[in-house]
Amino acid sequence: DKTLAAPVTVIIATDSRFYEHLPTMFPAYDAKPMFEANAELAASTAFRNGTLQGGYLIVAARALGLDCGPMSGFDAGKLNATFFPDGRCQANFLCNLGIGDPASLHPRGRRLSFEEACQIA
């Protein structure tokens, strides 16, 4: 229901062939062959970097005063078939963007302290 009511729902997805754009986006050296030759490295890098980019999107949206509703728990197979039928991109998570009704927003949950969340070795 919240997704249907949201003004915008963003699909944060990973491009399985992101490395095809490396000559333009990362010209420092030719990293493309490294990913072309290693599907596991390409998949883990795409997932990690796509997740980070989704986090940056949320930070930017919140800086603009928007409420964000990132979520998992959707039918990724159906979503990918609908929006990415060629299989190149795969959905990671969704994020509703808009201005929430203050009466229906949950208060911010407790955050772990540094000592609870981090370990320095």
C-alpha atoms as a PDB file:
ATOM      1  CA  ASP A   1       0.000   0.000   0.000  1.00  0.00           C
ATOM      2  CA  LYS A   2       2.811   2.433   0.847  1.00  0.00           C
ATOM      3  CA  THR A   3       4.502   1.762  -2.468  1.00  0.00           C
ATOM      4  CA  LEU A   4       1.285   2.391  -4.370  1.00  0.00           C
ATOM      5  CA  ALA A   5       0.782   5.650  -2.457  1.00  0.00           C
ATOM      6  CA  ALA A   6       4.365   6.885  -2.866  1.00  0.00           C
ATOM      7  CA  PRO A   7       4.958   9.642  -5.424  1.00  0.00           C
ATOM      8  CA  VAL A   8       8.114   7.837  -6.587  1.00  0.00           C
ATOM      9  CA  THR A   9       9.474   4.352  -6.094  1.00  0.00           C
ATOM     10  CA  VAL A  10      13.080   3.884  -7.153  1.00  0.00           C
ATOM     11  CA  ILE A  11      14.440   0.495  -8.153  1.00  0.00           C
ATOM     12  CA  ILE A  12      18.055   0.235  -7.049  1.00  0.00           C
ATOM     13  CA  ALA A  13      19.517  -2.366  -9.349  1.00  0.00           C
ATOM     14  CA  THR A  14      22.918  -3.691 -10.303  1.00  0.00           C
ATOM     15  CA  ASP A  15      24.182  -3.873 -13.867  1.00  0.00           C
ATOM     16  CA  SER A  16      25.906  -7.219 -14.390  1.00  0.00           C
ATOM     17  CA  ARG A  17      28.027  -5.726 -17.169  1.00  0.00           C
ATOM     18  CA  PHE A  18      28.908  -2.450 -15.425  1.00  0.00           C
ATOM     19  CA  TYR A  19      32.516  -2.973 -16.485  1.00  0.00           C
ATOM     20  CA  GLU A  20      31.606  -2.107 -20.087  1.00  0.00           C
ATOM     21  CA  HIS A  21      31.393   1.523 -18.906  1.00  0.00           C
ATOM     22  CA  LEU A  22      34.720   1.514 -17.033  1.00  0.00           C
ATOM     23  CA  PRO A  23      36.772   3.019 -19.888  1.00  0.00           C
ATOM     24  CA  THR A  24      34.555   6.129 -19.623  1.00  0.00           C
ATOM     25  CA  MET A  25      33.843   6.210 -15.908  1.00  0.00           C
ATOM     26  CA  PHE A  26      37.205   4.956 -14.610  1.00  0.00           C
ATOM     27  CA  PRO A  27      39.913   5.869 -17.112  1.00  0.00           C
ATOM     28  CA  ALA A  28      42.783   5.616 -14.600  1.00  0.00           C
ATOM     29  CA  TYR A  29      43.671   2.164 -15.947  1.00  0.00           C
ATOM     30  CA  ASP A  30      42.029  -0.590 -17.950  1.00  0.00           C
ATOM     31  CA  ALA A  31      40.081  -2.519 -15.287  1.00  0.00           C
ATOM     32  CA  LYS A  32      37.515  -3.906 -17.730  1.00  0.00           C
ATOM     33  CA  PRO A  33      39.378  -7.169 -18.531  1.00  0.00           C
ATOM     34  CA  MET A  34      39.650  -8.022 -14.829  1.00  0.00           C
ATOM     35  CA  PHE A  35      35.849  -8.095 -14.484  1.00  0.00           C
ATOM     36  CA  GLU A  36      35.168  -9.640 -17.901  1.00  0.00           C
ATOM     37  CA  ALA A  37      37.344 -12.590 -16.941  1.00  0.00           C
ATOM     38  CA  ASN A  38      35.895 -13.126 -13.462  1.00  0.00           C
ATOM     39  CA  ALA A  39      32.102 -13.390 -13.210  1.00  0.00           C
ATOM     40  CA  GLU A  40      32.183 -13.847  -9.418  1.00  0.00           C
ATOM     41  CA  LEU A  41      34.282 -10.710  -8.929  1.00  0.00           C
ATOM     42  CA  ALA A  42      32.026  -8.746 -11.284  1.00  0.00           C
ATOM     43  CA  ALA A  43      28.859  -9.901  -9.470  1.00  0.00           C
ATOM     44  CA  SER A  44      30.151  -9.125  -5.966  1.00  0.00           C
ATOM     45  CA  THR A  45      31.537  -5.751  -7.070  1.00  0.00           C
ATOM     46  CA  ALA A  46      28.290  -4.825  -8.854  1.00  0.00           C
ATOM     47  CA  PHE A  47      26.212  -5.750  -5.796  1.00  0.00           C
ATOM     48  CA  ARG A  48      28.448  -3.886  -3.328  1.00  0.00           C
ATOM     49  CA  ASN A  49      28.773  -0.753  -5.452  1.00  0.00           C
ATOM     50  CA  GLY A  50      25.069  -0.757  -6.366  1.00  0.00           C
ATOM     51  CA  THR A  51      24.180  -0.950  -2.690  1.00  0.00           C
ATOM     52  CA  LEU A  52      26.513   1.949  -1.898  1.00  0.00           C
ATOM     53  CA  GLN A  53      24.977   4.030  -4.692  1.00  0.00           C
ATOM     54  CA  GLY A  54      21.514   3.290  -3.292  1.00  0.00           C
ATOM     55  CA  GLY A  55      22.715   4.539   0.098  1.00  0.00           C
ATOM     56  CA  TYR A  56      24.010   7.741  -1.506  1.00  0.00           C
ATOM     57  CA  LEU A  57      20.615   8.220  -3.151  1.00  0.00           C
ATOM     58  CA  ILE A  58      18.927   7.968   0.262  1.00  0.00           C
ATOM     59  CA  VAL A  59      21.367  10.435   1.846  1.00  0.00           C
ATOM     60  CA  ALA A  60      20.819  12.913  -1.006  1.00  0.00           C
ATOM     61  CA  ALA A  61      17.025  12.529  -0.882  1.00  0.00           C
ATOM     62  CA  ARG A  62      16.969  13.079   2.875  1.00  0.00           C
ATOM     63  CA  ALA A  63      19.205  16.148   2.465  1.00  0.00           C
ATOM     64  CA  LEU A  64      16.516  17.524   0.142  1.00  0.00           C
ATOM     65  CA  GLY A  65      13.897  16.961   2.856  1.00  0.00           C
ATOM     66  CA  LEU A  66      12.331  13.823   1.409  1.00  0.00           C
ATOM     67  CA  ASP A  67      11.264  10.835   3.445  1.00  0.00           C
ATOM     68  CA  CYS A  68      12.712   7.532   2.270  1.00  0.00           C
ATOM     69  CA  GLY A  69      11.289   4.056   2.616  1.00  0.00           C
ATOM     70  CA  PRO A  70      13.952   1.563   1.545  1.00  0.00           C
ATOM     71  CA  MET A  71      12.690  -1.991   1.435  1.00  0.00           C
ATOM     72  CA  SER A  72      13.333  -5.561   0.542  1.00  0.00           C
ATOM     73  CA  GLY A  73      10.796  -8.357   0.702  1.00  0.00           C
ATOM     74  CA  PHE A  74       9.374  -7.844  -2.785  1.00  0.00           C
ATOM     75  CA  ASP A  75       9.146 -10.347  -5.637  1.00  0.00           C
ATOM     76  CA  ALA A  76      12.466  -9.628  -7.341  1.00  0.00           C
ATOM     77  CA  GLY A  77      11.792 -12.206 -10.055  1.00  0.00           C
ATOM     78  CA  LYS A  78       8.606 -10.482 -11.179  1.00  0.00           C
ATOM     79  CA  LEU A  79      10.155  -7.042 -10.874  1.00  0.00           C
ATOM     80  CA  ASN A  80      13.214  -8.041 -12.920  1.00  0.00           C
ATOM     81  CA  ALA A  81      11.043  -9.708 -15.559  1.00  0.00           C
ATOM     82  CA  THR A  82       8.947  -6.549 -15.876  1.00  0.00           C
ATOM     83  CA  PHE A  83      11.628  -3.859 -15.783  1.00  0.00           C
ATOM     84  CA  PHE A  84      14.798  -5.720 -16.820  1.00  0.00           C
ATOM     85  CA  PRO A  85      13.649  -8.469 -19.190  1.00  0.00           C
ATOM     86  CA  ASP A  86      17.059  -8.835 -20.838  1.00  0.00           C
ATOM     87  CA  GLY A  87      18.519  -9.945 -17.476  1.00  0.00           C
ATOM     88  CA  ARG A  88      21.409  -7.496 -17.549  1.00  0.00           C
ATOM     89  CA  CYS A  89      20.197  -5.633 -14.432  1.00  0.00           C
ATOM     90  CA  GLN A  90      18.930  -7.191 -11.230  1.00  0.00           C
ATOM     91  CA  ALA A  91      16.935  -5.434  -8.513  1.00  0.00           C
ATOM     92  CA  ASN A  92      18.711  -5.015  -5.190  1.00  0.00           C
ATOM     93  CA  PHE A  93      16.145  -3.029  -3.207  1.00  0.00           C
ATOM     94  CA  LEU A  94      13.328  -0.511  -3.617  1.00  0.00           C
ATOM     95  CA  CYS A  95      13.026   2.931  -2.093  1.00  0.00           C
ATOM     96  CA  ASN A  96       9.845   4.976  -1.825  1.00  0.00           C
ATOM     97  CA  LEU A  97      10.488   8.715  -1.926  1.00  0.00           C
ATOM     98  CA  GLY A  98       8.138  11.493  -0.888  1.00  0.00           C
ATOM     99  CA  ILE A  99       6.834  13.454   2.051  1.00  0.00           C
ATOM    100  CA  GLY A 100       5.286  11.132   4.591  1.00  0.00           C
ATOM    101  CA  ASP A 101       2.265  11.883   6.726  1.00  0.00           C
ATOM    102  CA  PRO A 102       3.777  12.742  10.128  1.00  0.00           C
ATOM    103  CA  ALA A 103       0.883  10.971  11.858  1.00  0.00           C
ATOM    104  CA  SER A 104       1.791   7.663  10.213  1.00  0.00           C
ATOM    105  CA  LEU A 105       5.598   7.876  10.401  1.00  0.00           C
ATOM    106  CA  HIS A 106       7.300   5.697  12.987  1.00  0.00           C
ATOM    107  CA  PRO A 107       9.721   7.338  15.401  1.00  0.00           C
ATOM    108  CA  ARG A 108      13.367   6.693  14.635  1.00  0.00           C
ATOM    109  CA  GLY A 109      14.491   3.423  16.169  1.00  0.00           C
ATOM    110  CA  ARG A 110      17.326   3.077  18.614  1.00  0.00           C
ATOM    111  CA  ARG A 111      20.794   2.975  17.063  1.00  0.00           C
ATOM    112  CA  LEU A 112      23.611   0.805  18.328  1.00  0.00           C
ATOM    113  CA  SER A 113      26.409   2.609  20.108  1.00  0.00           C
ATOM    114  CA  PHE A 114      29.863   2.635  18.539  1.00  0.00           C
ATOM    115  CA  GLU A 115      30.995  -0.022  21.015  1.00  0.00           C
ATOM    116  CA  GLU A 116      28.052  -2.268  20.135  1.00  0.00           C
ATOM    117  CA  ALA A 117      28.472  -1.933  16.382  1.00  0.00           C
ATOM    118  CA  CYS A 118      32.222  -1.674  15.863  1.00  0.00           C
ATOM    119  CA  GLN A 119      35.357  -3.577  16.670  1.00  0.00           C
ATOM    120  CA  ILE A 120      38.818  -2.108  16.333  1.00  0.00           C
ATOM    121  CA  ALA A 121      41.514  -4.688  15.822  1.00  0.00           C
END
